[in-house]
Amino acid sequence: VADRAGDAFSAGALALAGEARKTGAWSAVFDQDQINGWLAVDL
C-alpha cells in the first residue's frame, strides 16, 4: 500500500513540476497516505 501511495505522490509531483515549467497557473492535491507512502519507500 505504501509503495502504491508513494508512486501516486511521485506521479503527482512530477506532473506538478511539468506544469510549473510552463507559464500559467498550476495546482495539485496530495493526501496524507500518499506523502507517508513516499516517505516510507521512495525517500
Full PDB file with SEQRES, HELIX, SHEET, SSBOND, CRYST1, ORIGX, SCALE, CONECT and MASTER records, all heavy atoms in Angstrom:
SEQRES   1 A   43  VAL ALA ASP ARG ALA GLY ASP ALA PHE SER ALA GLY ALA          
SEQRES   2 A   43  LEU ALA LEU ALA GLY GLU ALA ARG LYS THR GLY ALA TRP          
SEQRES   3 A   43  SER ALA VAL PHE ASP GLN ASP GLN ILE ASN GLY TRP LEU          
SEQRES   4 A   43  ALA VAL ASP LEU                                              
HELIX    1 AA1 ALA A    2  ALA A   20  1                                  19    
HELIX    2 AA2 GLN A   32  GLY A   37  1                                   6    
HELIX    3 AA3 TRP A   38  ASP A   42  3                                   5    
CRYST1    1.000    1.000    1.000  90.00  90.00  90.00 P 1           1          
ORIGX1      1.000000  0.000000  0.000000        0.00000                         
ORIGX2      0.000000  1.000000  0.000000        0.00000                         
ORIGX3      0.000000  0.000000  1.000000        0.00000                         
SCALE1      1.000000  0.000000  0.000000        0.00000                         
SCALE2      0.000000  1.000000  0.000000        0.00000                         
SCALE3      0.000000  0.000000  1.000000        0.00000                         
ATOM      1  N   VAL A   1       0.843  -1.203   0.000  1.00  0.00           N  
ATOM      2  CA  VAL A   1       0.000   0.000   0.000  1.00  0.00           C  
ATOM      3  C   VAL A   1       0.872   1.244   0.000  1.00  0.00           C  
ATOM      4  O   VAL A   1       0.617   2.215  -0.732  1.00  0.00           O  
ATOM      5  CB  VAL A   1      -0.950  -0.002   1.217  1.00  0.00           C  
ATOM      6  CG1 VAL A   1      -1.747   1.299   1.291  1.00  0.00           C  
ATOM      7  CG2 VAL A   1      -1.898  -1.200   1.155  1.00  0.00           C  
ATOM      8  N   ALA A   2       1.923   1.230   0.821  1.00  0.00           N  
ATOM      9  CA  ALA A   2       2.849   2.365   0.876  1.00  0.00           C  
ATOM     10  C   ALA A   2       3.527   2.583  -0.473  1.00  0.00           C  
ATOM     11  O   ALA A   2       3.710   3.719  -0.916  1.00  0.00           O  
ATOM     12  CB  ALA A   2       3.888   2.147   1.968  1.00  0.00           C  
ATOM     13  N   ASP A   3       3.877   1.487  -1.142  1.00  0.00           N  
ATOM     14  CA  ASP A   3       4.542   1.590  -2.439  1.00  0.00           C  
ATOM     15  C   ASP A   3       3.619   2.245  -3.468  1.00  0.00           C  
ATOM     16  O   ASP A   3       4.034   3.155  -4.205  1.00  0.00           O  
ATOM     17  CB  ASP A   3       4.959   0.197  -2.904  1.00  0.00           C  
ATOM     18  CG  ASP A   3       5.947   0.239  -4.056  1.00  0.00           C  
ATOM     19  OD1 ASP A   3       6.674   1.244  -4.180  1.00  0.00           O  
ATOM     20  OD2 ASP A   3       5.985  -0.714  -4.841  1.00  0.00           O  
ATOM     21  N   ARG A   4       2.357   1.814  -3.513  1.00  0.00           N  
ATOM     22  CA  ARG A   4       1.409   2.406  -4.468  1.00  0.00           C  
ATOM     23  C   ARG A   4       1.129   3.866  -4.124  1.00  0.00           C  
ATOM     24  O   ARG A   4       1.047   4.718  -5.015  1.00  0.00           O  
ATOM     25  CB  ARG A   4       0.096   1.610  -4.478  1.00  0.00           C  
ATOM     26  CG  ARG A   4       0.223   0.226  -5.108  1.00  0.00           C  
ATOM     27  CD  ARG A   4      -1.149  -0.357  -5.419  1.00  0.00           C  
ATOM     28  NE  ARG A   4      -1.958  -0.514  -4.223  1.00  0.00           N  
ATOM     29  CZ  ARG A   4      -1.963  -1.600  -3.460  1.00  0.00           C  
ATOM     30  NH1 ARG A   4      -1.176  -2.632  -3.758  1.00  0.00           N  
ATOM     31  NH2 ARG A   4      -2.734  -1.675  -2.400  1.00  0.00           N  
ATOM     32  N   ALA A   5       0.986   4.156  -2.834  1.00  0.00           N  
ATOM     33  CA  ALA A   5       0.719   5.535  -2.419  1.00  0.00           C  
ATOM     34  C   ALA A   5       1.909   6.433  -2.748  1.00  0.00           C  
ATOM     35  O   ALA A   5       1.737   7.569  -3.220  1.00  0.00           O  
ATOM     36  CB  ALA A   5       0.409   5.582  -0.923  1.00  0.00           C  
ATOM     37  N   GLY A   6       3.117   5.928  -2.517  1.00  0.00           N  
ATOM     38  CA  GLY A   6       4.303   6.696  -2.851  1.00  0.00           C  
ATOM     39  C   GLY A   6       4.430   6.947  -4.341  1.00  0.00           C  
ATOM     40  O   GLY A   6       4.826   8.037  -4.768  1.00  0.00           O  
ATOM     41  N   ASP A   7       4.065   5.935  -5.149  1.00  0.00           N  
ATOM     42  CA  ASP A   7       4.081   6.117  -6.602  1.00  0.00           C  
ATOM     43  C   ASP A   7       3.094   7.200  -7.026  1.00  0.00           C  
ATOM     44  O   ASP A   7       3.388   8.008  -7.923  1.00  0.00           O  
ATOM     45  CB  ASP A   7       3.740   4.809  -7.308  1.00  0.00           C  
ATOM     46  CG  ASP A   7       4.874   3.795  -7.247  1.00  0.00           C  
ATOM     47  OD1 ASP A   7       6.008   4.196  -6.910  1.00  0.00           O  
ATOM     48  OD2 ASP A   7       4.617   2.612  -7.525  1.00  0.00           O  
ATOM     49  N   ALA A   8       1.926   7.227  -6.378  1.00  0.00           N  
ATOM     50  CA  ALA A   8       0.924   8.253  -6.694  1.00  0.00           C  
ATOM     51  C   ALA A   8       1.443   9.641  -6.347  1.00  0.00           C  
ATOM     52  O   ALA A   8       1.241  10.612  -7.095  1.00  0.00           O  
ATOM     53  CB  ALA A   8      -0.381   7.972  -5.959  1.00  0.00           C  
ATOM     54  N   PHE A   9       2.133   9.745  -5.219  1.00  0.00           N  
ATOM     55  CA  PHE A   9       2.719  11.034  -4.840  1.00  0.00           C  
ATOM     56  C   PHE A   9       3.779  11.463  -5.843  1.00  0.00           C  
ATOM     57  O   PHE A   9       3.817  12.624  -6.275  1.00  0.00           O  
ATOM     58  CB  PHE A   9       3.323  10.951  -3.442  1.00  0.00           C  
ATOM     59  CG  PHE A   9       4.002  12.229  -3.004  1.00  0.00           C  
ATOM     60  CD1 PHE A   9       3.268  13.261  -2.466  1.00  0.00           C  
ATOM     61  CD2 PHE A   9       5.371  12.393  -3.160  1.00  0.00           C  
ATOM     62  CE1 PHE A   9       3.888  14.448  -2.071  1.00  0.00           C  
ATOM     63  CE2 PHE A   9       5.995  13.567  -2.777  1.00  0.00           C  
ATOM     64  CZ  PHE A   9       5.250  14.591  -2.228  1.00  0.00           C  
ATOM     65  N   SER A  10       4.657  10.536  -6.227  1.00  0.00           N  
ATOM     66  CA  SER A  10       5.713  10.860  -7.185  1.00  0.00           C  
ATOM     67  C   SER A  10       5.127  11.297  -8.519  1.00  0.00           C  
ATOM     68  O   SER A  10       5.597  12.275  -9.125  1.00  0.00           O  
ATOM     69  CB  SER A  10       6.634   9.650  -7.393  1.00  0.00           C  
ATOM     70  OG  SER A  10       7.334   9.342  -6.211  1.00  0.00           O  
ATOM     71  N   ALA A  11       4.093  10.578  -8.989  1.00  0.00           N  
ATOM     72  CA  ALA A  11       3.458  10.934 -10.259  1.00  0.00           C  
ATOM     73  C   ALA A  11       2.839  12.321 -10.180  1.00  0.00           C  
ATOM     74  O   ALA A  11       2.960  13.133 -11.111  1.00  0.00           O  
ATOM     75  CB  ALA A  11       2.408   9.888 -10.632  1.00  0.00           C  
ATOM     76  N   GLY A  12       2.166  12.603  -9.057  1.00  0.00           N  
ATOM     77  CA  GLY A  12       1.561  13.925  -8.888  1.00  0.00           C  
ATOM     78  C   GLY A  12       2.598  15.029  -8.818  1.00  0.00           C  
ATOM     79  O   GLY A  12       2.411  16.112  -9.386  1.00  0.00           O  
ATOM     80  N   ALA A  13       3.702  14.759  -8.127  1.00  0.00           N  
ATOM     81  CA  ALA A  13       4.775  15.764  -8.007  1.00  0.00           C  
ATOM     82  C   ALA A  13       5.439  16.017  -9.362  1.00  0.00           C  
ATOM     83  O   ALA A  13       5.748  17.167  -9.701  1.00  0.00           O  
ATOM     84  CB  ALA A  13       5.804  15.300  -6.980  1.00  0.00           C  
ATOM     85  N   LEU A  14       5.652  14.959 -10.143  1.00  0.00           N  
ATOM     86  CA  LEU A  14       6.246  15.126 -11.467  1.00  0.00           C  
ATOM     87  C   LEU A  14       5.320  15.912 -12.389  1.00  0.00           C  
ATOM     88  O   LEU A  14       5.762  16.781 -13.157  1.00  0.00           O  
ATOM     89  CB  LEU A  14       6.563  13.763 -12.077  1.00  0.00           C  
ATOM     90  CG  LEU A  14       7.787  13.039 -11.501  1.00  0.00           C  
ATOM     91  CD1 LEU A  14       7.874  11.623 -12.063  1.00  0.00           C  
ATOM     92  CD2 LEU A  14       9.062  13.815 -11.795  1.00  0.00           C  
ATOM     93  N   ALA A  15       4.021  15.600 -12.305  1.00  0.00           N  
ATOM     94  CA  ALA A  15       3.053  16.331 -13.131  1.00  0.00           C  
ATOM     95  C   ALA A  15       3.023  17.804 -12.735  1.00  0.00           C  
ATOM     96  O   ALA A  15       2.958  18.694 -13.596  1.00  0.00           O  
ATOM     97  CB  ALA A  15       1.666  15.706 -12.987  1.00  0.00           C  
ATOM     98  N   LEU A  16       3.082  18.072 -11.436  1.00  0.00           N  
ATOM     99  CA  LEU A  16       3.086  19.451 -10.963  1.00  0.00           C  
ATOM    100  C   LEU A  16       4.339  20.181 -11.438  1.00  0.00           C  
ATOM    101  O   LEU A  16       4.268  21.337 -11.880  1.00  0.00           O  
ATOM    102  CB  LEU A  16       3.007  19.472  -9.436  1.00  0.00           C  
ATOM    103  CG  LEU A  16       3.001  20.853  -8.770  1.00  0.00           C  
ATOM    104  CD1 LEU A  16       1.768  21.641  -9.180  1.00  0.00           C  
ATOM    105  CD2 LEU A  16       3.072  20.716  -7.255  1.00  0.00           C  
ATOM    106  N   ALA A  17       5.486  19.515 -11.365  1.00  0.00           N  
ATOM    107  CA  ALA A  17       6.735  20.129 -11.826  1.00  0.00           C  
ATOM    108  C   ALA A  17       6.660  20.433 -13.315  1.00  0.00           C  
ATOM    109  O   ALA A  17       7.140  21.478 -13.775  1.00  0.00           O  
ATOM    110  CB  ALA A  17       7.911  19.202 -11.529  1.00  0.00           C  
ATOM    111  N   GLY A  18       6.048  19.528 -14.086  1.00  0.00           N  
ATOM    112  CA  GLY A  18       5.897  19.771 -15.515  1.00  0.00           C  
ATOM    113  C   GLY A  18       5.014  20.972 -15.803  1.00  0.00           C  
ATOM    114  O   GLY A  18       5.324  21.796 -16.677  1.00  0.00           O  
ATOM    115  N   GLU A  19       3.916  21.099 -15.045  1.00  0.00           N  
ATOM    116  CA  GLU A  19       3.042  22.267 -15.214  1.00  0.00           C  
ATOM    117  C   GLU A  19       3.771  23.548 -14.844  1.00  0.00           C  
ATOM    118  O   GLU A  19       3.619  24.583 -15.505  1.00  0.00           O  
ATOM    119  CB  GLU A  19       1.795  22.123 -14.344  1.00  0.00           C  
ATOM    120  CG  GLU A  19       0.798  21.083 -14.803  1.00  0.00           C  
ATOM    121  CD  GLU A  19      -0.446  21.106 -13.929  1.00  0.00           C  
ATOM    122  OE1 GLU A  19      -0.918  22.198 -13.573  1.00  0.00           O  
ATOM    123  OE2 GLU A  19      -0.930  20.011 -13.583  1.00  0.00           O  
ATOM    124  N   ALA A  20       4.562  23.493 -13.785  1.00  0.00           N  
ATOM    125  CA  ALA A  20       5.232  24.695 -13.291  1.00  0.00           C  
ATOM    126  C   ALA A  20       6.319  25.177 -14.243  1.00  0.00           C  
ATOM    127  O   ALA A  20       6.728  26.339 -14.168  1.00  0.00           O  
ATOM    128  CB  ALA A  20       5.829  24.433 -11.909  1.00  0.00           C  
ATOM    129  N   ARG A  21       6.779  24.322 -15.135  1.00  0.00           N  
ATOM    130  CA  ARG A  21       7.812  24.732 -16.086  1.00  0.00           C  
ATOM    131  C   ARG A  21       7.235  25.456 -17.295  1.00  0.00           C  
ATOM    132  O   ARG A  21       7.977  25.849 -18.192  1.00  0.00           O  
ATOM    133  CB  ARG A  21       8.625  23.514 -16.530  1.00  0.00           C  
ATOM    134  CG  ARG A  21       9.532  22.972 -15.428  1.00  0.00           C  
ATOM    135  CD  ARG A  21      10.478  21.910 -15.956  1.00  0.00           C  
ATOM    136  NE  ARG A  21      11.395  21.490 -14.911  1.00  0.00           N  
ATOM    137  CZ  ARG A  21      11.186  20.449 -14.108  1.00  0.00           C  
ATOM    138  NH1 ARG A  21      10.085  19.726 -14.253  1.00  0.00           N  
ATOM    139  NH2 ARG A  21      12.065  20.137 -13.179  1.00  0.00           N  
ATOM    140  N   LYS A  22       5.926  25.600 -17.319  1.00  0.00           N  
ATOM    141  CA  LYS A  22       5.257  26.352 -18.391  1.00  0.00           C  
ATOM    142  C   LYS A  22       4.562  27.557 -17.770  1.00  0.00           C  
ATOM    143  O   LYS A  22       4.124  27.503 -16.613  1.00  0.00           O  
ATOM    144  CB  LYS A  22       4.240  25.471 -19.109  1.00  0.00           C  
ATOM    145  CG  LYS A  22       4.847  24.235 -19.768  1.00  0.00           C  
ATOM    146  CD  LYS A  22       3.784  23.374 -20.416  1.00  0.00           C  
ATOM    147  CE  LYS A  22       2.922  22.685 -19.372  1.00  0.00           C  
ATOM    148  NZ  LYS A  22       1.981  21.717 -19.991  1.00  0.00           N  
ATOM    149  N   THR A  23       4.466  28.642 -18.503  1.00  0.00           N  
ATOM    150  CA  THR A  23       3.780  29.814 -17.972  1.00  0.00           C  
ATOM    151  C   THR A  23       2.307  29.511 -17.782  1.00  0.00           C  
ATOM    152  O   THR A  23       1.697  28.781 -18.558  1.00  0.00           O  
ATOM    153  CB  THR A  23       3.938  31.011 -18.929  1.00  0.00           C  
ATOM    154  OG1 THR A  23       3.440  30.658 -20.216  1.00  0.00           O  
ATOM    155  CG2 THR A  23       5.398  31.431 -19.032  1.00  0.00           C  
ATOM    156  N   GLY A  24       1.751  30.078 -16.699  1.00  0.00           N  
ATOM    157  CA  GLY A  24       0.341  29.867 -16.395  1.00  0.00           C  
ATOM    158  C   GLY A  24       0.155  29.316 -14.997  1.00  0.00           C  
ATOM    159  O   GLY A  24       1.097  29.161 -14.218  1.00  0.00           O  
ATOM    160  N   ALA A  25      -1.092  29.027 -14.679  1.00  0.00           N  
ATOM    161  CA  ALA A  25      -1.441  28.546 -13.340  1.00  0.00           C  
ATOM    162  C   ALA A  25      -1.223  27.038 -13.224  1.00  0.00           C  
ATOM    163  O   ALA A  25      -1.300  26.307 -14.213  1.00  0.00           O  
ATOM    164  CB  ALA A  25      -2.894  28.891 -13.023  1.00  0.00           C  
ATOM    165  N   TRP A  26      -0.957  26.592 -12.003  1.00  0.00           N  
ATOM    166  CA  TRP A  26      -0.801  25.171 -11.732  1.00  0.00           C  
ATOM    167  C   TRP A  26      -1.296  24.879 -10.317  1.00  0.00           C  
ATOM    168  O   TRP A  26      -1.377  25.766  -9.458  1.00  0.00           O  
ATOM    169  CB  TRP A  26       0.653  24.718 -11.877  1.00  0.00           C  
ATOM    170  CG  TRP A  26       1.683  25.684 -11.366  1.00  0.00           C  
ATOM    171  CD1 TRP A  26       2.357  26.626 -12.086  1.00  0.00           C  
ATOM    172  CD2 TRP A  26       2.154  25.807 -10.009  1.00  0.00           C  
ATOM    173  NE1 TRP A  26       3.215  27.328 -11.278  1.00  0.00           N  
ATOM    174  CE2 TRP A  26       3.126  26.840 -10.009  1.00  0.00           C  
ATOM    175  CE3 TRP A  26       1.866  25.146  -8.824  1.00  0.00           C  
ATOM    176  CZ2 TRP A  26       3.787  27.230  -8.842  1.00  0.00           C  
ATOM    177  CZ3 TRP A  26       2.520  25.527  -7.657  1.00  0.00           C  
ATOM    178  CH2 TRP A  26       3.472  26.553  -7.680  1.00  0.00           C  
ATOM    179  N   SER A  27      -1.686  23.636 -10.090  1.00  0.00           N  
ATOM    180  CA  SER A  27      -2.187  23.250  -8.773  1.00  0.00           C  
ATOM    181  C   SER A  27      -2.142  21.729  -8.631  1.00  0.00           C  
ATOM    182  O   SER A  27      -2.050  21.002  -9.618  1.00  0.00           O  
ATOM    183  CB  SER A  27      -3.629  23.743  -8.556  1.00  0.00           C  
ATOM    184  OG  SER A  27      -4.511  23.103  -9.461  1.00  0.00           O  
ATOM    185  N   ALA A  28      -2.196  21.268  -7.398  1.00  0.00           N  
ATOM    186  CA  ALA A  28      -2.195  19.830  -7.133  1.00  0.00           C  
ATOM    187  C   ALA A  28      -2.732  19.592  -5.723  1.00  0.00           C  
ATOM    188  O   ALA A  28      -2.659  20.466  -4.849  1.00  0.00           O  
ATOM    189  CB  ALA A  28      -0.796  19.237  -7.276  1.00  0.00           C  
ATOM    190  N   VAL A  29      -3.264  18.392  -5.529  1.00  0.00           N  
ATOM    191  CA  VAL A  29      -3.728  17.951  -4.215  1.00  0.00           C  
ATOM    192  C   VAL A  29      -3.003  16.645  -3.879  1.00  0.00           C  
ATOM    193  O   VAL A  29      -2.937  15.731  -4.716  1.00  0.00           O  
ATOM    194  CB  VAL A  29      -5.249  17.716  -4.182  1.00  0.00           C  
ATOM    195  CG1 VAL A  29      -5.684  17.214  -2.801  1.00  0.00           C  
ATOM    196  CG2 VAL A  29      -6.005  18.990  -4.527  1.00  0.00           C  
ATOM    197  N   PHE A  30      -2.453  16.559  -2.693  1.00  0.00           N  
ATOM    198  CA  PHE A  30      -1.807  15.346  -2.213  1.00  0.00           C  
ATOM    199  C   PHE A  30      -2.473  14.944  -0.901  1.00  0.00           C  
ATOM    200  O   PHE A  30      -2.780  15.806  -0.065  1.00  0.00           O  
ATOM    201  CB  PHE A  30      -0.316  15.562  -1.979  1.00  0.00           C  
ATOM    202  CG  PHE A  30       0.431  16.010  -3.204  1.00  0.00           C  
ATOM    203  CD1 PHE A  30       0.739  17.352  -3.384  1.00  0.00           C  
ATOM    204  CD2 PHE A  30       0.802  15.103  -4.173  1.00  0.00           C  
ATOM    205  CE1 PHE A  30       1.424  17.771  -4.505  1.00  0.00           C  
ATOM    206  CE2 PHE A  30       1.494  15.509  -5.307  1.00  0.00           C  
ATOM    207  CZ  PHE A  30       1.801  16.849  -5.479  1.00  0.00           C  
ATOM    208  N   ASP A  31      -2.686  13.630  -0.723  1.00  0.00           N  
ATOM    209  CA  ASP A  31      -3.271  13.222   0.554  1.00  0.00           C  
ATOM    210  C   ASP A  31      -2.197  12.669   1.482  1.00  0.00           C  
ATOM    211  O   ASP A  31      -1.064  12.385   1.079  1.00  0.00           O  
ATOM    212  CB  ASP A  31      -4.447  12.245   0.364  1.00  0.00           C  
ATOM    213  CG  ASP A  31      -4.037  10.888  -0.171  1.00  0.00           C  
ATOM    214  OD1 ASP A  31      -2.978  10.371   0.230  1.00  0.00           O  
ATOM    215  OD2 ASP A  31      -4.788  10.327  -0.992  1.00  0.00           O  
ATOM    216  N   GLN A  32      -2.575  12.533   2.719  1.00  0.00           N  
ATOM    217  CA  GLN A  32      -1.633  12.136   3.773  1.00  0.00           C  
ATOM    218  C   GLN A  32      -1.005  10.778   3.494  1.00  0.00           C  
ATOM    219  O   GLN A  32       0.192  10.575   3.701  1.00  0.00           O  
ATOM    220  CB  GLN A  32      -2.388  12.126   5.098  1.00  0.00           C  
ATOM    221  CG  GLN A  32      -1.589  11.746   6.321  1.00  0.00           C  
ATOM    222  CD  GLN A  32      -2.417  11.907   7.579  1.00  0.00           C  
ATOM    223  OE1 GLN A  32      -2.751  13.011   7.988  1.00  0.00           O  
ATOM    224  NE2 GLN A  32      -2.787  10.792   8.182  1.00  0.00           N  
ATOM    225  N   ASP A  33      -1.800   9.822   3.012  1.00  0.00           N  
ATOM    226  CA  ASP A  33      -1.270   8.489   2.734  1.00  0.00           C  
ATOM    227  C   ASP A  33      -0.247   8.524   1.609  1.00  0.00           C  
ATOM    228  O   ASP A  33       0.752   7.785   1.645  1.00  0.00           O  
ATOM    229  CB  ASP A  33      -2.412   7.528   2.374  1.00  0.00           C  
ATOM    230  CG  ASP A  33      -3.243   7.129   3.587  1.00  0.00           C  
ATOM    231  OD1 ASP A  33      -2.768   7.338   4.717  1.00  0.00           O  
ATOM    232  OD2 ASP A  33      -4.351   6.608   3.395  1.00  0.00           O  
ATOM    233  N   GLN A  34      -0.479   9.350   0.584  1.00  0.00           N  
ATOM    234  CA  GLN A  34       0.493   9.467  -0.498  1.00  0.00           C  
ATOM    235  C   GLN A  34       1.833   9.991   0.026  1.00  0.00           C  
ATOM    236  O   GLN A  34       2.902   9.474  -0.334  1.00  0.00           O  
ATOM    237  CB  GLN A  34      -0.042  10.396  -1.582  1.00  0.00           C  
ATOM    238  CG  GLN A  34      -1.198   9.835  -2.375  1.00  0.00           C  
ATOM    239  CD  GLN A  34      -1.781  10.857  -3.341  1.00  0.00           C  
ATOM    240  OE1 GLN A  34      -1.531  12.059  -3.205  1.00  0.00           O  
ATOM    241  NE2 GLN A  34      -2.564  10.394  -4.299  1.00  0.00           N  
ATOM    242  N   ILE A  35       1.768  11.007   0.868  1.00  0.00           N  
ATOM    243  CA  ILE A  35       3.002  11.577   1.420  1.00  0.00           C  
ATOM    244  C   ILE A  35       3.719  10.556   2.294  1.00  0.00           C  
ATOM    245  O   ILE A  35       4.935  10.346   2.165  1.00  0.00           O  
ATOM    246  CB  ILE A  35       2.687  12.854   2.212  1.00  0.00           C  
ATOM    247  CG1 ILE A  35       2.097  13.919   1.285  1.00  0.00           C  
ATOM    248  CG2 ILE A  35       3.941  13.378   2.910  1.00  0.00           C  
ATOM    249  CD1 ILE A  35       1.550  15.135   2.002  1.00  0.00           C  
ATOM    250  N   ASN A  36       2.972   9.864   3.165  1.00  0.00           N  
ATOM    251  CA  ASN A  36       3.602   8.878   4.040  1.00  0.00           C  
ATOM    252  C   ASN A  36       4.122   7.673   3.267  1.00  0.00           C  
ATOM    253  O   ASN A  36       5.139   7.080   3.638  1.00  0.00           O  
ATOM    254  CB  ASN A  36       2.626   8.442   5.135  1.00  0.00           C  
ATOM    255  CG  ASN A  36       2.533   9.456   6.256  1.00  0.00           C  
ATOM    256  OD1 ASN A  36       3.510  10.135   6.574  1.00  0.00           O  
ATOM    257  ND2 ASN A  36       1.362   9.585   6.858  1.00  0.00           N  
ATOM    258  N   GLY A  37       3.421   7.310   2.177  1.00  0.00           N  
ATOM    259  CA  GLY A  37       3.924   6.228   1.338  1.00  0.00           C  
ATOM    260  C   GLY A  37       5.251   6.593   0.697  1.00  0.00           C  
ATOM    261  O   GLY A  37       6.177   5.779   0.638  1.00  0.00           O  
ATOM    262  N   TRP A  38       5.358   7.836   0.231  1.00  0.00           N  
ATOM    263  CA  TRP A  38       6.614   8.287  -0.362  1.00  0.00           C  
ATOM    264  C   TRP A  38       7.723   8.328   0.685  1.00  0.00           C  
ATOM    265  O   TRP A  38       8.863   7.926   0.416  1.00  0.00           O  
ATOM    266  CB  TRP A  38       6.423   9.673  -0.981  1.00  0.00           C  
ATOM    267  CG  TRP A  38       7.611  10.137  -1.753  1.00  0.00           C  
ATOM    268  CD1 TRP A  38       7.905   9.879  -3.060  1.00  0.00           C  
ATOM    269  CD2 TRP A  38       8.694  10.949  -1.255  1.00  0.00           C  
ATOM    270  NE1 TRP A  38       9.097  10.476  -3.415  1.00  0.00           N  
ATOM    271  CE2 TRP A  38       9.598  11.138  -2.332  1.00  0.00           C  
ATOM    272  CE3 TRP A  38       8.969  11.526  -0.025  1.00  0.00           C  
ATOM    273  CZ2 TRP A  38      10.758  11.882  -2.194  1.00  0.00           C  
ATOM    274  CZ3 TRP A  38      10.142  12.260   0.115  1.00  0.00           C  
ATOM    275  CH2 TRP A  38      11.012  12.438  -0.967  1.00  0.00           C  
ATOM    276  N   LEU A  39       7.405   8.797   1.882  1.00  0.00           N  
ATOM    277  CA  LEU A  39       8.398   8.844   2.950  1.00  0.00           C  
ATOM    278  C   LEU A  39       8.858   7.445   3.341  1.00  0.00           C  
ATOM    279  O   LEU A  39      10.031   7.221   3.661  1.00  0.00           O  
ATOM    280  CB  LEU A  39       7.820   9.558   4.179  1.00  0.00           C  
ATOM    281  CG  LEU A  39       7.544  11.057   4.035  1.00  0.00           C  
ATOM    282  CD1 LEU A  39       6.799  11.579   5.255  1.00  0.00           C  
ATOM    283  CD2 LEU A  39       8.834  11.845   3.820  1.00  0.00           C  
ATOM    284  N   ALA A  40       7.924   6.484   3.327  1.00  0.00           N  
ATOM    285  CA  ALA A  40       8.243   5.125   3.758  1.00  0.00           C  
ATOM    286  C   ALA A  40       9.087   4.376   2.740  1.00  0.00           C  
ATOM    287  O   ALA A  40       9.944   3.557   3.114  1.00  0.00           O  
ATOM    288  CB  ALA A  40       6.951   4.344   4.023  1.00  0.00           C  
ATOM    289  N   VAL A  41       8.869   4.620   1.444  1.00  0.00           N  
ATOM    290  CA  VAL A  41       9.521   3.822   0.411  1.00  0.00           C  
ATOM    291  C   VAL A  41      10.533   4.636  -0.395  1.00  0.00           C  
ATOM    292  O   VAL A  41      11.738   4.375  -0.369  1.00  0.00           O  
ATOM    293  CB  VAL A  41       8.478   3.192  -0.536  1.00  0.00           C  
ATOM    294  CG1 VAL A  41       9.180   2.363  -1.619  1.00  0.00           C  
ATOM    295  CG2 VAL A  41       7.508   2.319   0.248  1.00  0.00           C  
ATOM    296  N   ASP A  42      10.051   5.647  -1.115  1.00  0.00           N  
ATOM    297  CA  ASP A  42      10.920   6.380  -2.041  1.00  0.00           C  
ATOM    298  C   ASP A  42      12.027   7.140  -1.323  1.00  0.00           C  
ATOM    299  O   ASP A  42      13.179   7.142  -1.775  1.00  0.00           O  
ATOM    300  CB  ASP A  42      10.083   7.351  -2.885  1.00  0.00           C  
ATOM    301  CG  ASP A  42       9.185   6.625  -3.866  1.00  0.00           C  
ATOM    302  OD1 ASP A  42       8.297   5.883  -3.412  1.00  0.00           O  
ATOM    303  OD2 ASP A  42       9.372   6.797  -5.076  1.00  0.00           O  
ATOM    304  N   LEU A  43      11.685   7.815  -0.231  1.00  0.00           N  
ATOM    305  CA  LEU A  43      12.709   8.578   0.488  1.00  0.00           C  
ATOM    306  C   LEU A  43      13.799   7.644   0.999  1.00  0.00           C  
ATOM    307  O   LEU A  43      14.993   7.924   0.839  1.00  0.00           O  
ATOM    308  CB  LEU A  43      12.085   9.344   1.645  1.00  0.00           C  
ATOM    309  CG  LEU A  43      13.059  10.138   2.512  1.00  0.00           C  
ATOM    310  CD1 LEU A  43      13.729  11.245   1.709  1.00  0.00           C  
ATOM    311  CD2 LEU A  43      12.357  10.733   3.729  1.00  0.00           C  
TER     312      LEU A  43                                                      
MASTER        0    0    0    3    0    0    0    6  311    1    0    4          
END                                                                             
